[in-house]
Amino acid sequence: MAVLDRAAKDQRFNWQMMTQPDVALDQFDLAEAEREALKGGDRDQLVACGLDERIAAWIPWRASRPSP
C-alpha cells in the first residue's frame, strides 16, 4: 500500500517505477514476492501478496510503461 500511495502522490516516483523499478523499490521493506508483483504490475500476483483486488486494478506504472 505504501508504494501505491506514494505513486498516487508523487509523479517522479511513478516515473521511477516505470524506468528504474529496482531503485524505486529499494526504499521499501518488501518481501521478494511483493517486489516482483509490484515491478510486474500483475494483478493476480498483487492479490496473492495480500493487496485488495480493487486496489490491485490500479497500478499506474503498468499502463504507462515506455515502449522498449
Protein backbone atom coordinates (compact mmCIF):
# COMPACT_ATOMS: atom_id res chain seq x y z
CA MET A 1 0.00 0.00 0.00
CA ALA A 2 2.83 2.40 0.78
CA VAL A 3 4.24 2.04 -2.74
CA LEU A 4 0.85 2.70 -4.36
CA ASP A 5 0.18 5.61 -2.03
CA ARG A 6 3.48 7.16 -2.98
CA ALA A 7 2.82 6.59 -6.68
CA ALA A 8 -0.55 8.31 -6.37
CA LYS A 9 1.04 11.39 -4.80
CA ASP A 10 4.46 11.59 -6.46
CA GLN A 11 4.75 11.67 -10.26
CA ARG A 12 8.56 11.41 -10.10
CA PHE A 13 8.29 8.21 -8.08
CA ASN A 14 5.73 6.88 -10.53
CA TRP A 15 8.15 7.62 -13.40
CA GLN A 16 10.94 5.89 -11.48
CA MET A 17 8.71 2.81 -11.12
CA MET A 18 8.44 2.77 -14.92
CA THR A 19 12.11 3.34 -15.65
CA GLN A 20 14.05 2.08 -12.59
CA PRO A 21 11.72 -0.08 -10.50
CA ASP A 22 14.52 -1.71 -8.50
CA VAL A 23 15.85 1.68 -7.40
CA ALA A 24 12.35 2.92 -6.54
CA LEU A 25 11.50 -0.17 -4.50
CA ASP A 26 14.78 -0.14 -2.57
CA GLN A 27 13.18 2.50 -0.33
CA PHE A 28 10.66 -0.04 0.99
CA ASP A 29 10.91 -3.14 3.17
CA LEU A 30 9.33 -5.69 0.82
CA ALA A 31 9.32 -9.46 0.51
CA GLU A 32 10.71 -10.69 -2.81
CA ALA A 33 7.21 -11.76 -3.95
CA GLU A 34 5.86 -8.28 -3.19
CA ARG A 35 8.75 -6.65 -5.03
CA GLU A 36 8.24 -8.80 -8.14
CA ALA A 37 4.46 -8.28 -8.09
CA LEU A 38 4.89 -4.52 -7.90
CA LYS A 39 7.56 -4.45 -10.61
CA GLY A 40 5.44 -6.50 -12.96
CA GLY A 41 2.14 -4.93 -12.02
CA ASP A 42 0.45 -8.32 -12.29
CA ARG A 43 -2.94 -8.12 -10.60
CA ASP A 44 -3.07 -11.80 -9.63
CA GLN A 45 0.39 -11.63 -8.04
CA LEU A 46 -0.54 -8.46 -6.15
CA VAL A 47 -3.72 -10.06 -4.81
CA ALA A 48 -1.74 -13.17 -3.83
CA CYS A 49 0.54 -10.87 -1.81
CA GLY A 50 -2.48 -9.54 0.08
CA LEU A 51 -3.47 -6.44 -1.87
CA ASP A 52 -7.21 -5.88 -2.22
CA GLU A 53 -8.47 -6.70 -5.74
CA ARG A 54 -9.97 -3.23 -6.18
CA ILE A 55 -6.66 -1.60 -5.38
CA ALA A 56 -4.65 -4.09 -7.42
CA ALA A 57 -6.56 -2.95 -10.51
CA TRP A 58 -4.90 0.47 -10.22
CA ILE A 59 -1.20 0.20 -10.92
CA PRO A 60 -0.24 3.48 -12.59
CA TRP A 61 3.17 2.43 -13.92
CA ARG A 62 1.80 -0.71 -15.57
CA ALA A 63 -0.36 1.24 -18.03
CA SER A 64 2.26 3.93 -18.56
CA ARG A 65 5.39 1.93 -19.31
CA PRO A 66 7.52 3.43 -22.05
CA SER A 67 7.92 1.33 -25.16
CA PRO A 68 11.23 -0.57 -25.37
